Protein backbone atom coordinates (compact mmCIF):
# COMPACT_ATOMS: atom_id res chain seq x y z
CA MET A 1 18.56 -17.21 -8.96
CA ALA A 2 21.09 -19.02 -6.78
CA LYS A 3 20.55 -22.75 -6.26
CA THR A 4 22.46 -25.24 -4.12
CA PRO A 5 24.35 -27.54 -6.52
CA PHE A 6 22.92 -30.84 -5.24
CA LYS A 7 24.16 -33.79 -7.32
CA LYS A 8 22.45 -37.08 -8.07
CA LEU A 9 24.09 -39.44 -5.61
CA GLY A 10 23.34 -42.78 -7.20
CA SER A 11 24.08 -45.99 -5.26
CA VAL A 12 26.30 -44.64 -2.51
CA GLU A 13 26.24 -44.80 1.25
CA ILE A 14 24.13 -41.96 2.64
CA LEU A 15 26.21 -39.88 5.04
CA SER A 16 25.02 -37.50 7.73
CA ALA A 17 26.59 -34.68 5.72
CA HIS A 18 24.15 -35.38 2.90
CA LEU A 19 21.18 -35.04 5.23
CA ASN A 20 22.65 -31.99 6.93
CA GLY A 21 22.75 -30.17 3.61
CA ILE A 22 19.11 -30.92 2.92
CA GLN A 23 18.09 -29.92 6.44
CA HIS A 24 19.96 -26.64 6.14
CA ALA A 25 18.21 -25.91 2.83
CA VAL A 26 14.84 -26.60 4.47
CA ASN A 27 15.68 -24.22 7.33
CA ASN A 28 16.59 -21.50 4.82
CA MET A 29 13.22 -21.87 3.11
CA GLU A 30 11.46 -21.76 6.48
CA ASP A 31 13.24 -18.50 7.28
CA VAL A 32 12.19 -16.97 3.97
CA LEU A 33 8.58 -18.11 4.29
CA GLY A 34 8.19 -17.25 7.97
CA MET A 35 6.48 -20.53 8.86
CA LYS A 36 3.66 -20.44 11.39
CA THR A 37 3.33 -22.75 14.38
CA ALA A 38 0.47 -24.27 16.33
CA PRO A 39 0.29 -25.84 19.84
CA LYS A 40 -1.27 -29.27 20.41
CA THR A 41 -1.99 -31.11 23.64
CA GLY A 42 -2.76 -34.70 24.51
CA VAL A 43 -1.72 -36.10 21.13
CA GLN A 44 -1.33 -39.87 21.32
CA LEU A 45 1.98 -41.27 20.06
CA LEU A 46 2.02 -44.67 18.38
CA PRO A 47 4.73 -47.24 19.13
CA TYR A 48 6.90 -49.07 16.64
CA THR A 49 6.13 -52.77 17.11
CA ASP A 50 7.43 -54.41 13.92
CA MET A 51 11.01 -55.08 15.03
CA PRO A 52 12.15 -58.74 14.82
CA ASP A 53 13.61 -58.42 18.32
CA PRO A 54 10.63 -58.15 20.75
CA GLY A 55 12.86 -56.33 23.22
CA LEU A 56 13.10 -53.33 20.88
CA ARG A 57 9.36 -52.89 20.55
CA TYR A 58 7.44 -50.19 22.48
CA ARG A 59 10.51 -47.98 22.75
CA ILE A 60 10.11 -45.66 19.73
CA TYR A 61 6.92 -43.58 19.73
CA GLU A 62 5.94 -41.26 16.92
CA GLY A 63 3.20 -38.63 16.56
CA PRO A 64 1.08 -37.62 13.55
CA ASP A 65 3.01 -34.35 13.18
CA ASN A 66 6.68 -33.87 12.44
CA ASN A 67 8.64 -30.64 12.95
CA TRP A 68 8.04 -30.12 16.67
CA LEU A 69 9.88 -27.27 18.33
CA TYR A 70 12.33 -27.74 21.17
CA ASP A 71 11.23 -24.39 22.60
CA PRO A 72 8.72 -24.60 24.15
CA GLU A 73 9.92 -28.02 25.22
CA PRO A 74 7.46 -30.84 24.47
CA VAL A 75 5.88 -32.56 27.48
CA ILE A 76 5.63 -36.35 27.28
CA LYS A 77 3.05 -38.19 29.40
CA ARG A 78 2.51 -41.82 30.20
CA ASN A 79 -1.04 -42.73 31.19
CA GLY A 80 -1.68 -39.07 31.92
CA GLN A 81 1.43 -38.57 34.11
CA ILE A 82 4.40 -36.46 33.04
CA VAL A 83 7.44 -38.54 32.14
CA SER A 84 10.86 -37.28 33.21
CA PRO A 85 13.02 -36.29 30.20
CA SER A 86 15.72 -38.55 31.67
CA GLU A 87 13.68 -41.56 30.54
CA TYR A 88 13.79 -40.82 26.83
CA GLU A 89 15.62 -39.15 23.99
CA LEU A 90 13.52 -36.43 22.35
CA GLN A 91 13.69 -36.12 18.56
CA ALA A 92 11.36 -33.16 18.16
CA GLU A 93 12.17 -32.47 14.51
CA TYR A 94 10.89 -35.94 13.62
CA GLY A 95 7.95 -35.87 16.01
CA ALA A 96 9.27 -38.81 17.98
CA VAL A 97 10.61 -39.94 21.37
CA VAL A 98 12.87 -42.93 22.00
CA PHE A 99 12.57 -44.48 25.48
CA HIS A 100 15.66 -45.93 27.07
CA VAL A 101 13.70 -48.96 28.23
CA GLN A 102 10.74 -50.80 26.80
CA GLN A 103 7.29 -49.50 27.77
CA GLN A 104 4.29 -51.65 28.61
CA ALA A 105 2.05 -52.53 25.66
CA SER A 106 -0.88 -51.13 27.62
CA ASP A 107 0.79 -47.74 28.26
CA VAL A 108 -0.76 -44.73 26.54
CA ILE A 109 1.97 -42.27 25.56
CA THR A 110 0.88 -38.72 24.71
CA ALA A 111 2.65 -35.45 23.96
CA ASP A 112 1.99 -31.72 24.32
CA TYR A 113 4.00 -29.83 21.71
CA THR A 114 4.18 -26.90 19.34
CA HIS A 115 4.87 -27.77 15.73
CA ILE A 116 5.49 -25.99 12.44
CA THR A 117 2.39 -25.95 10.25
CA ASN A 118 1.98 -25.74 6.48
CA GLN A 119 1.08 -22.04 6.74
CA SER A 120 3.43 -19.20 5.91
CA ALA A 121 3.16 -15.80 7.61
CA LYS A 122 5.07 -14.20 4.74
CA MET A 123 2.76 -15.68 2.09
CA GLU A 124 -0.30 -14.63 4.07
CA GLN A 125 1.10 -11.09 4.20
CA VAL A 126 1.74 -11.14 0.45
CA ASP A 127 -1.78 -12.47 -0.21
CA SER A 128 -3.27 -9.80 2.03
CA GLN A 129 -1.32 -7.02 0.33
CA HIS A 130 -2.23 -8.38 -3.08
CA ALA A 131 -5.92 -8.48 -2.15
CA ALA A 132 -5.72 -4.93 -0.78
CA LEU A 133 -4.02 -3.73 -3.97
CA GLU A 134 -6.67 -5.39 -6.13
CA ALA A 135 -9.44 -3.85 -4.01
CA ARG A 136 -7.76 -0.45 -4.25
CA VAL A 137 -7.50 -0.68 -8.03
CA VAL A 138 -11.17 -1.69 -8.31
CA ALA A 139 -12.19 1.18 -6.02
CA LEU A 140 -10.18 3.67 -8.03
CA GLU A 141 -11.62 2.43 -11.31
CA GLN A 142 -15.22 2.22 -10.11
CA ASN A 143 -15.41 5.29 -7.91
CA GLY A 144 -13.73 7.78 -10.18
CA GLY A 145 -10.51 7.96 -8.21
CA GLY A 146 -8.41 8.79 -11.21
CA GLY A 147 -9.58 7.30 -14.46
CA GLY A 148 -8.93 3.58 -14.40
CA GLY A 149 -5.45 2.77 -15.63
CA SER A 150 -4.08 6.22 -14.85
CA SER A 151 -5.16 5.92 -11.24
CA PHE A 152 -3.50 2.52 -10.92
CA LEU A 153 -0.24 4.01 -12.18
CA ALA A 154 -0.66 6.87 -9.72
CA TYR A 155 -0.97 4.32 -6.92
CA LEU A 156 2.43 2.96 -7.88
CA VAL A 157 4.08 6.41 -7.88
CA LYS A 158 4.88 6.86 -4.22
CA HIS A 159 4.25 10.27 -2.64
CA TYR A 160 7.41 10.42 -0.58
CA PRO A 161 7.82 12.85 2.35
CA GLY A 162 9.23 16.16 1.19
CA THR A 163 7.99 15.76 -2.39
CA TYR A 164 5.20 17.40 -4.36
CA ARG A 165 2.38 15.62 -6.20
CA SER A 166 -0.39 17.02 -8.35
CA HIS A 167 -3.56 15.82 -10.05
CA GLY A 168 -1.99 13.01 -12.08
CA ILE A 169 0.64 10.30 -12.24
CA SER A 170 3.52 12.55 -13.31
CA PRO A 171 5.83 13.56 -10.45
CA GLN A 172 6.85 16.69 -12.37
CA ASN A 173 5.47 19.24 -14.84
CA ASN A 174 5.24 18.07 -18.45
CA ALA A 175 3.55 21.13 -19.98
CA THR A 176 4.79 24.73 -20.03
CA GLY A 177 3.35 28.18 -20.57
CA VAL A 178 -0.25 27.30 -19.70
CA ALA A 179 -2.29 30.52 -19.51
CA VAL A 180 -4.74 30.85 -16.62
CA LEU A 181 -7.58 33.29 -16.22
CA ALA A 182 -7.38 36.26 -13.86
CA ASN A 183 -9.71 36.29 -10.85
CA SER A 184 -10.56 32.62 -11.04
CA ILE A 185 -10.13 29.34 -9.22
CA ASP A 186 -8.95 26.28 -11.12
CA ILE A 187 -9.40 23.11 -9.09
CA PHE A 188 -8.42 19.51 -9.84
CA PRO A 189 -8.98 15.97 -8.45
CA PHE A 190 -6.23 14.75 -6.15
CA VAL A 191 -5.84 11.20 -4.80
CA ALA A 192 -4.11 10.37 -1.51
CA HIS A 193 -3.24 6.68 -1.58
CA GLU A 194 -2.30 6.58 2.10
CA THR A 195 -2.58 8.86 5.10
CA ILE A 196 -0.31 11.87 4.51
CA ILE A 197 0.45 15.15 6.26
CA CYS A 198 0.79 18.09 3.86
CA ASP A 199 2.36 21.41 4.74
CA MET A 200 2.73 23.46 1.54
CA MET A 201 1.35 24.00 -1.95
CA GLY A 202 2.95 25.60 -4.97
CA GLY A 203 3.26 26.00 -8.72
CA GLN A 204 5.75 26.86 -11.44
CA VAL A 205 5.13 30.35 -12.85
CA SER A 206 6.20 30.56 -16.52
CA ALA A 207 4.83 34.05 -17.32
CA ALA A 208 4.68 36.59 -14.50
CA VAL A 209 2.61 39.73 -14.03
CA SER A 210 3.53 42.70 -11.85
CA GLY A 211 1.42 42.51 -8.70
CA GLY A 212 0.39 38.95 -9.48
CA LEU A 213 -0.63 36.88 -6.48
CA THR A 214 -1.58 33.23 -6.19
CA SER A 215 -2.99 31.22 -3.32
CA PHE A 216 -3.84 27.54 -3.06
CA ALA A 217 -6.38 25.33 -1.28
CA VAL A 218 -7.39 21.71 -0.69
CA TYR A 219 -11.03 20.56 -0.57
CA THR A 220 -12.87 17.39 0.37
CA ASP A 221 -14.48 15.32 -2.36
CA ASN A 222 -18.28 15.25 -2.69
CA ASN A 223 -19.18 12.41 -5.05
CA GLY A 224 -16.68 13.42 -7.71
CA TYR A 225 -17.04 17.18 -7.18
CA PRO A 226 -15.27 19.62 -4.81
CA GLY A 227 -16.88 19.68 -1.38
CA THR A 228 -15.81 21.74 1.62
CA LEU A 229 -12.64 23.69 2.24
CA ILE A 230 -10.05 21.84 4.32
CA ALA A 231 -7.28 24.45 4.30
CA GLN A 232 -5.81 27.21 2.19
CA THR A 233 -2.45 28.89 1.90
CA GLY A 234 -1.51 32.52 2.08
CA ALA A 235 -0.82 34.46 -1.13
CA VAL A 236 2.55 34.11 -2.85
CA ASP A 237 4.11 36.81 -5.03
CA CYS A 238 4.04 35.88 -8.73
CA SER A 239 5.59 39.04 -10.14
CA THR A 240 8.58 36.93 -11.21
CA THR A 241 8.82 33.56 -12.90
CA GLY A 242 9.96 30.37 -11.24
CA TRP A 243 8.79 27.95 -8.61
CA LYS A 244 6.47 29.47 -5.98
CA GLU A 245 5.44 27.72 -2.79
CA VAL A 246 3.57 28.78 0.32
CA ALA A 247 2.45 27.15 3.58
CA PHE A 248 -1.10 26.52 4.75
CA THR A 249 -2.30 29.37 6.94
CA THR A 250 -3.50 26.97 9.67
CA GLY A 251 -0.45 24.73 9.63
CA PRO A 252 0.03 21.22 8.20
CA VAL A 253 -3.10 19.23 7.35
CA MET A 254 -3.63 15.47 7.57
CA LEU A 255 -5.30 13.77 4.62
CA GLN A 256 -6.57 10.24 5.06
CA ALA A 257 -6.37 7.92 2.06
CA GLY A 258 -9.07 8.97 -0.39
CA ASN A 259 -10.14 11.54 -2.97
CA TYR A 260 -9.62 15.30 -2.60
CA TRP A 261 -9.40 18.45 -4.73
CA ILE A 262 -6.48 20.89 -4.97
CA GLY A 263 -7.08 24.41 -6.29
CA ARG A 264 -5.27 27.58 -7.26
CA PHE A 265 -6.57 31.19 -7.29
CA CYS A 266 -4.89 33.94 -9.32
CA ASN A 267 -5.65 37.65 -9.27
CA ALA A 268 -3.95 38.18 -12.65
CA ALA A 269 -3.57 36.44 -16.01
CA LEU A 270 -0.47 34.39 -15.25
CA SER A 271 0.98 31.34 -16.98
CA PHE A 272 2.05 28.15 -15.21
CA HIS A 273 3.79 24.91 -15.99
CA GLY A 274 1.52 21.92 -15.51
CA LEU A 275 0.27 18.58 -16.77
CA SER A 276 -1.05 17.35 -20.10
CA PRO A 277 -4.28 15.29 -20.22
CA ALA A 278 -2.47 11.99 -20.83
CA GLY A 279 -1.72 11.29 -17.19
CA ILE A 280 -4.15 13.34 -15.12
CA ASN A 281 -7.00 12.35 -12.84
CA PRO A 282 -10.15 13.19 -14.86
CA VAL A 283 -13.11 14.82 -13.14
CA PRO A 284 -15.47 11.97 -12.15
CA SER A 285 -18.65 14.08 -12.15
CA ALA A 286 -18.05 15.71 -15.55
CA PRO A 287 -20.94 15.63 -18.06
CA PRO A 288 -20.47 14.10 -21.54
CA LEU A 289 -18.17 15.99 -23.86
CA GLY A 290 -20.05 18.63 -25.82
CA SER A 291 -22.15 19.73 -22.85
CA ASP A 292 -22.82 23.44 -22.54
CA ASN A 293 -21.37 23.32 -19.04
CA ILE A 294 -17.88 22.38 -20.27
CA ASN A 295 -15.46 25.27 -20.74
CA ASN A 296 -13.49 24.40 -23.89
CA SER A 297 -13.24 27.09 -26.50
CA ASN A 298 -11.61 24.81 -29.07
CA GLY A 299 -13.63 21.58 -28.79
CA LEU A 300 -10.60 19.62 -27.65
CA GLY A 301 -12.31 16.32 -26.89
CA ALA A 302 -9.50 15.22 -24.57
CA GLY A 303 -11.63 14.88 -21.46
CA VAL A 304 -12.40 17.12 -18.51
CA GLY A 305 -9.46 17.60 -16.17
CA GLY A 306 -10.61 20.34 -13.80
CA ILE A 307 -13.21 22.91 -12.79
CA ARG A 308 -12.95 26.69 -13.21
CA TYR A 309 -14.78 29.22 -11.05
CA SER A 310 -14.38 32.71 -12.49
CA LEU A 311 -15.10 35.31 -9.86
CA ALA A 312 -13.11 37.91 -7.97
CA PHE A 313 -12.34 36.90 -4.38
CA ASP A 314 -11.37 39.38 -1.72
CA ASN A 315 -7.79 38.67 -0.66
CA GLY A 316 -7.89 35.31 -2.39
CA ALA A 317 -10.19 33.72 0.18
CA PHE A 318 -11.64 30.43 -1.01
CA PRO A 319 -15.34 29.64 -0.46
CA GLU A 320 -16.04 27.33 2.49
CA THR A 321 -18.27 25.18 0.27
CA PHE A 322 -17.48 24.97 -3.42
CA PRO A 323 -20.46 26.20 -5.47
CA ALA A 324 -22.35 23.70 -7.61
CA ALA A 325 -21.58 23.42 -11.30
CA GLY A 326 -23.75 25.75 -13.34
CA ASN A 327 -23.83 28.35 -10.54
CA GLY A 328 -20.60 29.96 -11.66
CA PRO A 329 -18.17 27.01 -11.89
CA GLN A 330 -17.71 25.25 -15.23
CA TYR A 331 -16.02 21.98 -16.08
CA LEU A 332 -12.65 22.72 -17.63
CA GLU A 333 -11.23 20.89 -20.64
CA ARG A 334 -7.81 21.86 -21.94
CA ASN A 335 -4.87 20.35 -23.79
CA ALA A 336 -2.73 21.35 -20.79
CA TYR A 337 -3.46 22.48 -17.23
CA GLY A 338 -1.60 25.02 -15.09
CA SER A 339 -1.37 22.56 -12.23
CA PRO A 340 -1.17 23.26 -8.51
CA TRP A 341 1.04 20.99 -6.44
CA ILE A 342 0.81 19.83 -2.83
CA ARG A 343 3.76 18.78 -0.69
CA ARG A 344 3.88 15.90 1.74
CA LYS A 345 5.61 17.16 4.87
CA PRO A 346 9.23 15.95 5.20
């Protein structure tokens, strides 16, 4: 960190250059902090009356505040009447005026001025953002927005325009060759940390099937479970491997900050790249591990990361309201998930 190399002066004559350096340093700090100002009116100024020469008394008047501004120009009044600036020298930075001639002891000198306060706009902004961040972290941890620490990390991973995000903190696939079931929907919690407009969804096909088709959808959240359909994409050909993406059939969709669900439907037993359980958003409404309503053939114990609805859908059309768990859908626990991805519009 750069610091001005002020030296200890010792017993030397103080020069204006010394004070200028300090004043300049103060101005730099004021610029960084974005100091706030406040107007005051009718503030009484007190005279200096302790000079040995009586003729010098009642000429210098000082207010309770220093650091007045020159713009707007302070207004000086004597006994309620505005005093012409030609009668005094204004020293706004020191909160003082110096009259050219002595004033009467009975005169009441007041000032209307705007001065710099001890409040910083920049620090208030930082405090506000810090409080908002703390509140967001608490909300994410308490309301199932992504599993405590994982959700906080997700908040820090910015969803930039033109990029894809999925149901966890990783900005890219970290699992490969994840088999998915034919004629089924897999759906996962998704967190939007700010208002975003999304235009496409996609996935990385690692094992293709001739005639394979995949479509995607985004749902509202209903207390930690998929709610109602917001939008879905058309079907994309998955007869070859590689990245597949497709636009929403109704055009881009706006998602306010909050919790959502992103899903994928396949008409064939494909394999996708995806995410491992370490960094995903767990399903908030999932029952305890070991429940009969959890689909895990191997007793993984890694936590529930999604929901699977195994049923054939005509033309890949998603249900308007996602069926309740136990009425077809099952909570899905795997050591890797064939993840769908959603793109923020460039």
